[in-house]
Protein backbone atom coordinates (compact mmCIF):
# COMPACT_ATOMS: atom_id res chain seq x y z
CA MET A 1 20.56 -25.87 -10.76
CA LYS A 2 24.05 -27.08 -9.89
CA VAL A 3 27.35 -25.35 -10.69
CA GLU A 4 30.80 -26.77 -9.94
CA MET A 5 33.82 -24.50 -9.63
CA ILE A 6 37.47 -25.40 -9.14
CA ILE A 7 39.25 -22.93 -6.87
CA LYS A 8 42.81 -23.63 -5.75
CA ASN A 9 42.30 -27.26 -6.65
CA GLU A 10 39.19 -27.39 -4.48
CA SER A 11 35.83 -28.41 -5.97
CA ILE A 12 33.06 -26.02 -4.89
CA ILE A 13 29.46 -26.88 -5.76
CA ILE A 14 26.86 -24.13 -5.86
CA THR A 15 23.15 -25.01 -5.92
CA GLU A 16 19.95 -23.01 -5.82
CA GLU A 17 19.88 -23.72 -2.09
CA THR A 18 23.31 -22.16 -1.46
CA PRO A 19 21.96 -18.59 -0.90
CA PHE A 20 19.73 -19.95 1.87
CA PHE A 21 22.77 -21.06 3.88
CA ILE A 22 24.24 -17.55 3.63
CA MET A 23 20.85 -16.19 4.64
CA LEU A 24 20.71 -18.55 7.62
CA ARG A 25 24.14 -17.42 8.75
CA ASP A 26 23.17 -13.74 8.61
CA LEU A 27 19.63 -14.04 9.90
CA PHE A 28 20.12 -16.58 12.70
CA TYR A 29 23.82 -16.39 13.56
CA GLY A 30 24.76 -12.73 13.24
CA GLY A 31 26.91 -13.41 10.18
CA ALA A 32 29.24 -15.84 12.03
CA TRP A 33 30.01 -19.18 10.33
CA GLU A 34 31.69 -20.38 13.54
CA ARG A 35 28.46 -20.17 15.54
CA MET A 36 26.45 -21.75 12.76
CA GLU A 37 28.89 -24.66 12.52
CA LYS A 38 28.17 -25.60 16.13
CA ASP A 39 24.57 -26.44 15.18
CA PHE A 40 25.42 -28.10 11.83
CA GLN A 41 28.28 -30.40 12.72
CA LYS A 42 27.83 -33.22 10.24
CA GLY A 43 26.61 -34.29 6.83
CA GLU A 44 25.86 -32.15 3.80
CA TYR A 45 25.11 -29.06 5.88
CA LEU A 46 28.62 -28.90 7.30
CA LYS A 47 30.07 -29.60 3.86
CA GLN A 48 28.07 -26.69 2.42
CA ILE A 49 29.19 -24.38 5.22
CA ASN A 50 32.84 -25.32 4.74
CA SER A 51 32.57 -24.72 0.99
CA LEU A 52 31.08 -21.28 1.54
CA LYS A 53 33.75 -20.39 4.09
CA PHE A 54 36.41 -21.41 1.57
CA LEU A 55 34.67 -19.42 -1.17
CA GLU A 56 34.47 -16.35 1.03
CA LYS A 57 38.11 -16.60 2.02
CA ASN A 58 39.44 -17.03 -1.52
CA VAL A 59 36.97 -15.34 -3.87
CA ALA A 60 34.51 -12.81 -2.44
CA ILE A 61 32.65 -11.73 0.66
CA LEU A 62 29.29 -13.47 0.76
CA ASP A 63 26.77 -10.89 1.90
CA GLU A 64 23.10 -10.03 1.45
CA THR A 65 23.56 -9.33 -2.28
CA PHE A 66 23.61 -13.11 -2.77
CA TYR A 67 20.12 -13.66 -1.38
CA GLU A 68 18.09 -10.47 -1.03
CA PRO A 69 15.22 -9.98 -0.76
CA ILE A 70 14.41 -12.39 2.04
CA ILE A 71 11.09 -14.05 1.28
CA TRP A 72 9.97 -15.58 4.56
CA SER A 73 7.67 -18.16 2.96
CA GLU A 74 10.55 -19.40 0.77
CA LEU A 75 12.91 -19.58 3.74
CA ARG A 76 10.31 -21.52 5.75
CA SER A 77 9.88 -23.96 2.84
CA PHE A 78 13.66 -24.42 2.65
CA LEU A 79 13.85 -25.20 6.37
CA THR A 80 10.97 -27.66 6.17
CA GLU A 81 12.22 -29.45 3.05
CA ASN A 82 15.68 -29.86 4.57
CA ASN A 83 14.41 -30.93 8.00
CA ILE A 84 16.12 -27.97 9.63
CA ASP A 85 14.20 -27.34 12.84
CA TRP A 86 14.51 -24.51 15.32
CA LYS A 87 15.27 -27.12 17.99
CA ILE A 88 18.75 -27.71 16.57
CA MET A 89 19.56 -23.98 16.56
CA GLN A 90 21.08 -23.91 20.02
CA ASN A 91 23.58 -21.21 19.10
CA ALA A 92 21.22 -19.02 17.08
CA THR A 93 19.95 -15.61 18.15
CA PRO A 94 16.60 -14.04 17.21
CA ASP A 95 17.92 -10.53 16.51
CA GLY A 96 17.92 -10.95 12.74
CA LEU A 97 14.41 -12.38 12.79
CA TYR A 98 13.21 -9.45 14.89
CA ASP A 99 14.60 -6.99 12.33
CA LEU A 100 12.98 -8.99 9.53
CA ALA A 101 9.62 -8.88 11.34
CA ILE A 102 9.88 -5.09 11.49
CA GLU A 103 10.45 -4.98 7.72
CA TYR A 104 7.40 -7.15 7.09
CA ALA A 105 5.23 -5.13 9.48
CA ASP A 106 6.32 -1.90 7.77
CA LYS A 107 4.98 -3.39 4.54
CA SER A 108 1.70 -4.30 6.32
CA LEU A 109 2.49 -8.02 5.92
CA PHE A 110 1.34 -8.69 9.45
CA GLY A 111 0.68 -12.42 9.04
CA ASP A 112 4.28 -13.07 8.04
CA ALA A 113 5.57 -10.67 10.71
CA LYS A 114 3.61 -12.59 13.34
CA ASP A 115 4.96 -15.94 12.09
CA ILE A 116 8.54 -14.61 12.12
CA LEU A 117 8.17 -13.40 15.71
CA GLU A 118 6.70 -16.72 16.82
CA TYR A 119 9.71 -18.45 15.27
CA ALA A 120 12.05 -16.01 17.07
CA ILE A 121 10.39 -16.89 20.39
CA LYS A 122 10.91 -20.60 19.71
CA ILE A 123 14.63 -19.94 19.26
CA ASP A 124 14.83 -17.89 22.46
CA ARG A 125 11.98 -18.19 24.94
CA ASN A 126 13.32 -15.20 26.85
CA TYR A 127 13.65 -12.74 23.97
CA ALA A 128 11.51 -9.92 25.34
CA PRO A 129 11.44 -7.64 22.24
CA ALA A 130 9.73 -10.38 20.21
CA TYR A 131 7.00 -10.78 22.86
CA GLU A 132 6.49 -7.01 22.93
CA PHE A 133 6.30 -6.67 19.16
CA LEU A 134 4.04 -9.71 18.77
CA GLY A 135 1.77 -8.45 21.54
CA THR A 136 1.50 -5.07 19.84
CA LEU A 137 0.63 -6.66 16.48
CA LEU A 138 -2.07 -8.79 18.08
CA VAL A 139 -3.59 -5.75 19.80
CA GLU A 140 -3.63 -3.86 16.50
CA GLN A 141 -5.42 -6.82 14.90
CA GLY A 142 -8.09 -6.72 17.60
CA LYS A 143 -6.81 -9.79 19.47
CA VAL A 144 -6.51 -7.76 22.64
CA THR A 145 -6.60 -10.51 25.28
CA GLU A 146 -3.89 -12.53 23.52
CA GLY A 147 -1.86 -9.37 22.91
CA ILE A 148 -1.96 -8.42 26.59
CA LYS A 149 -0.52 -11.83 27.53
CA TYR A 150 2.48 -11.35 25.25
CA LEU A 151 3.04 -7.77 26.43
CA ASP A 152 2.89 -8.84 30.07
CA ARG A 153 5.36 -11.62 29.31
CA ALA A 154 7.70 -9.08 27.69
CA ILE A 155 7.94 -6.94 30.81
CA GLU A 156 8.14 -10.01 33.02
CA ILE A 157 11.33 -10.94 31.13
CA ASP A 158 12.63 -7.38 30.78
CA PRO A 159 11.13 -4.79 33.17
CA TRP A 160 13.01 -2.04 31.32
CA LEU A 161 11.04 -2.59 28.11
CA VAL A 162 9.12 0.68 28.46
CA GLN A 163 7.32 0.42 25.13
CA ALA A 164 5.38 -2.57 26.46
CA TYR A 165 4.15 -0.52 29.44
CA SER A 166 3.14 2.25 27.04
CA THR A 167 1.13 -0.11 24.82
CA LEU A 168 -0.54 -1.84 27.77
CA GLY A 169 -1.53 1.51 29.21
CA GLU A 170 -3.05 2.51 25.89
CA VAL A 171 -4.93 -0.78 25.61
CA PHE A 172 -6.58 -0.43 29.01
CA TYR A 173 -7.21 3.30 28.50
CA ASN A 174 -9.12 2.54 25.29
CA MET A 175 -11.10 -0.09 27.20
CA GLY A 176 -12.08 2.54 29.77
CA ASN A 177 -10.10 0.76 32.48
CA TYR A 178 -8.28 3.86 33.67
CA ASN A 179 -6.88 2.32 36.85
CA MET A 180 -5.06 -0.38 34.90
CA ALA A 181 -3.88 2.18 32.35
CA ILE A 182 -2.47 4.30 35.17
CA LYS A 183 -0.76 1.28 36.70
CA TYR A 184 1.18 0.54 33.50
CA TRP A 185 1.93 4.17 32.63
CA GLU A 186 3.23 4.90 36.11
CA LYS A 187 5.51 1.88 35.73
CA GLU A 188 6.68 3.36 32.44
CA ILE A 189 7.50 6.63 34.19
CA GLU A 190 9.42 4.68 36.84
CA TYR A 191 11.76 3.31 34.16
CA ALA A 192 11.67 6.34 31.83
CA PRO A 193 11.08 9.40 34.05
CA ASN A 194 11.85 11.86 31.25
CA ASP A 195 9.15 10.59 28.92
CA ILE A 196 7.03 13.75 29.07
CA PHE A 197 4.05 12.45 27.08
CA THR A 198 3.35 9.66 29.58
CA TYR A 199 2.75 12.17 32.39
CA PHE A 200 -0.01 13.76 30.33
CA MET A 201 -1.61 10.37 29.68
CA VAL A 202 -1.57 9.51 33.38
CA ALA A 203 -3.07 12.90 34.23
CA ASP A 204 -5.79 12.41 31.62
CA ALA A 205 -6.60 8.92 32.96
CA PHE A 206 -6.84 10.25 36.52
CA THR A 207 -9.08 13.08 35.29
CA ARG A 208 -11.40 10.66 33.45
CA ALA A 209 -11.53 8.54 36.61
CA GLY A 210 -12.58 11.67 38.54
CA GLU A 211 -9.39 11.68 40.63
CA TYR A 212 -8.48 15.33 40.06
CA GLN A 213 -6.08 15.62 42.97
CA LYS A 214 -3.98 12.74 41.66
CA ALA A 215 -4.02 14.30 38.20
CA ILE A 216 -2.72 17.50 39.78
CA GLU A 217 0.03 15.58 41.56
CA ILE A 218 1.28 13.91 38.37
CA LEU A 219 1.38 17.21 36.50
CA ASN A 220 3.31 18.79 39.37
CA ARG A 221 5.78 15.90 39.12
CA LEU A 222 6.15 16.69 35.43
CA LEU A 223 6.81 20.35 36.16
CA GLU A 224 9.57 19.34 38.55
CA ILE A 225 11.53 17.98 35.60
CA ASP A 226 10.23 20.43 32.97
CA ASN A 227 9.28 23.65 34.73
CA ALA A 228 8.73 25.54 31.48
CA ASN A 229 6.16 23.13 30.06
CA ILE A 230 3.30 25.47 29.20
CA ILE A 231 0.87 22.68 28.28
CA ALA A 232 1.34 21.07 31.70
CA MET A 233 0.91 24.43 33.42
CA TYR A 234 -2.28 25.15 31.50
CA GLU A 235 -3.79 21.72 32.23
CA LEU A 236 -2.83 22.12 35.87
CA ALA A 237 -4.63 25.48 36.03
CA GLU A 238 -7.74 23.91 34.49
CA LEU A 239 -7.68 21.11 37.06
CA TYR A 240 -7.42 23.58 39.92
CA ARG A 241 -10.49 25.34 38.53
CA LYS A 242 -12.35 22.02 38.40
CA ILE A 243 -11.86 21.54 42.14
CA GLY A 244 -12.64 25.17 42.94
CA LYS A 245 -9.09 26.40 43.64
CA GLU A 246 -9.26 29.57 41.58
CA ASN A 247 -6.33 31.25 43.34
CA GLU A 248 -3.98 28.39 42.45
CA ALA A 249 -5.30 28.40 38.88
CA LYS A 250 -4.78 32.14 38.60
CA LYS A 251 -1.23 31.89 39.96
CA ILE A 252 -0.27 29.33 37.31
CA GLU A 253 -1.97 31.37 34.61
CA MET A 254 0.17 34.34 35.60
CA GLU A 255 3.26 32.16 35.25
CA ILE A 256 2.23 31.34 31.70
CA LEU A 257 1.47 35.01 31.06
CA ASN A 258 4.99 36.03 32.05
CA SER A 259 6.78 33.10 30.41
CA GLU A 260 8.58 32.80 27.10
CA PRO A 261 7.38 29.89 24.91
CA LYS A 262 10.24 27.45 24.32
CA ASP A 263 8.31 24.41 23.10
CA PRO A 264 6.49 24.95 19.76
CA ASN A 265 3.79 22.53 20.93
CA GLY A 266 2.79 24.94 23.69
CA ILE A 267 2.78 28.15 21.72
CA GLU A 268 -0.96 28.16 20.98
CA ILE A 269 -1.81 27.81 24.68
CA TRP A 270 0.71 30.54 25.52
CA ALA A 271 -0.88 32.82 22.91
CA ARG A 272 -4.41 32.12 24.19
CA VAL A 273 -3.40 33.21 27.70
CA GLN A 274 -1.76 36.34 26.31
CA LEU A 275 -4.91 37.16 24.32
CA LYS A 276 -7.10 36.61 27.37
CA TYR A 277 -5.17 39.40 29.13
CA GLU A 278 -5.02 41.56 26.00
CA ARG A 279 -1.26 41.27 25.55
CA TYR A 280 -1.63 41.76 21.81
CA GLU A 281 1.71 43.44 21.13
CA ARG A 282 3.56 40.66 22.97
CA VAL A 283 1.93 37.94 20.88
CA ILE A 284 2.99 39.73 17.71
CA LYS A 285 6.50 40.36 19.02
CA VAL A 286 7.06 36.68 19.82
CA ILE A 287 5.30 35.02 16.89
CA GLU A 288 6.26 37.25 13.94
CA PRO A 289 9.98 36.33 14.09
CA LEU A 290 9.00 32.64 14.11
CA ILE A 291 6.97 33.15 10.94
CA ASN A 292 9.90 34.91 9.29
CA GLN A 293 11.95 31.78 9.95
CA LYS A 294 9.25 29.49 8.55
CA LYS A 295 7.02 31.18 5.98
CA GLU A 296 4.56 28.28 5.71
CA ALA A 297 3.79 28.24 9.45
CA PHE A 298 0.06 28.72 8.99
CA HIS A 299 -0.74 27.66 12.56
CA LEU A 300 1.36 30.60 13.77
CA LYS A 301 -0.25 33.00 11.30
CA THR A 302 -3.64 31.99 12.69
CA LEU A 303 -2.55 33.14 16.16
CA LEU A 304 -1.79 36.65 14.83
CA ILE A 305 -5.26 37.28 13.39
CA VAL A 306 -6.77 38.25 16.75
CA PRO A 307 -4.00 40.64 17.93
CA TYR A 308 -3.82 42.43 14.56
CA THR A 309 -7.58 42.86 14.59
CA LYS A 310 -7.59 44.19 18.14
CA LEU A 311 -4.81 46.66 17.29
CA GLY A 312 -6.78 47.94 14.31
CA ASP A 313 -4.72 46.43 11.48
CA ILE A 314 -7.71 44.79 9.80
CA THR A 315 -5.97 44.58 6.41
CA LYS A 316 -3.15 42.48 7.87
CA ALA A 317 -5.58 40.31 9.86
CA ARG A 318 -7.76 39.68 6.80
CA GLN A 319 -4.70 38.87 4.67
CA LEU A 320 -3.53 36.30 7.24
CA PHE A 321 -6.94 34.66 7.41
CA GLU A 322 -7.12 34.43 3.61
CA GLU A 323 -3.66 32.79 3.53
CA VAL A 324 -4.64 30.25 6.16
CA LYS A 325 -8.01 29.53 4.52
CA ASP A 326 -6.50 29.15 1.04
CA ASN A 327 -3.89 26.74 2.37
CA ASP A 328 -6.31 24.59 4.40
CA PHE A 329 -9.94 25.57 4.66
CA TRP A 330 -10.76 22.93 7.28
CA TYR A 331 -7.84 23.99 9.47
CA ALA A 332 -9.08 27.59 9.34
CA TYR A 333 -12.56 26.38 10.25
CA SER A 334 -11.20 24.32 13.15
CA LYS A 335 -9.83 27.52 14.70
CA LYS A 336 -13.28 29.14 14.76
CA GLU A 337 -13.34 28.67 18.53
CA ILE A 338 -10.39 31.07 18.96
CA PHE A 339 -12.07 33.68 16.81
CA ASP A 340 -15.41 33.24 18.61
CA GLN A 341 -13.69 33.60 21.98
CA PHE A 342 -11.71 36.74 21.29
CA LEU A 343 -13.39 38.59 18.41
CA THR A 344 -16.77 40.27 18.21
CA LYS A 345 -19.19 39.49 15.41
CA LYS A 346 -18.30 42.78 13.73
CA GLU A 347 -14.55 42.11 13.98
CA LYS A 348 -14.99 38.65 12.42
CA GLU A 349 -16.96 40.15 9.55
CA LEU A 350 -14.21 42.72 8.91
CA CYS A 351 -11.64 39.92 8.74
CA GLY A 352 -13.76 37.83 6.40
CA ILE A 353 -14.38 35.17 9.03
CA ALA A 354 -17.85 33.69 8.54
C-alpha cells in the first residue's frame, strides 16, 4: 500500500510501514523525533521521519491511534526486514519496551515479554528494571538459577531496587535456604524500612531456622516503627513462649488485651486474646460498629459468635453462624478451630455448629 498526499506543495508518501516509524518514536525514543533523528541520519529512514514531522506539524498529531495495538512479533519483523538493529539505537531508551513487557506479561504472553525485556537490555545494559522483571519471569517459569542471576544483576546496578531483594528472598525461602532469604530481606529492610510485611518474613525465616532470639529481635524492630501492630505483638508473645519466657509473653498479651485494634488485619488476633480472657462485651462493643459499616463483613460476624454464645444470646449467635455458613460454607468450616477453642460441645450444638 502506498498513498501520496500533497500538503502545502509538499509530497508526503504514506506506506504500510509508516505506522511502525511512529511506533518506534514512541516506544524507543519517548515520543521525540529529535532523538530518533540522531540514530537515523541518512537515507529513506530520515526522509520518512522528516515527512512525518511535517505531517504532524501541518495536519494532525501522530499518536498511538495510528498504530495500536503494538504486536511485538510484527514490530520485530519490521526491524529485521529493514535492517534496523538495536546497535544503531544509541539515543534510544528502554522505558517504552519495559512498559510493553508489562502489558504482555499481564496477558500471560510471557515468551514475548521475555523477548521484549532482552531487547531492552541490549539497548541499555544498565537498565536495572528490565533485569529485575526478566529475573522474576524466569523464576516464575521455573528457571530459578537463571532468574537469580538477572535479579542479582538488577541490584548490582541499582541497590535501591527493593522488589528484586523481595523476590530473591522469596526464592531462597521456598528453597529452604533461610539464611540467604534473610540476607536479601534484611537488605530490603535497609532500603525500605517501612515495608512492614518484610519484617514478618524475616522473623518467619529466623523461626524456621531455629533462631528464635533473632526472630524476636526483628519483631521488636518492627514494633519500634509500628508499636500498635497486633500481629507482630502476638507473634512476639508466641516466640517468647517457645523459649520459655512466659512473663515476657504474658506482658505482651496484656498489651494486646488493653489495646484498640487499628489494623483490620489484626482484628481476629485481637479478638482471640479478648476471648481468652473472657472480655466478651468488649469484643461486641468494638466489632458490632464495624459490621454496621460493612454489612457483608462475614469474617467479623464470625468473631461475634463466641461472645454472644457466652453471654447467653444463642439466637443471635446461631443467626450469625447461619449467615456465615450460607455465604461461604468452607470459610465457616475453616473457623472451626476458634469454636473448638472457646465453646463447649453443648454450646456448639446450640449454635448449630457441627
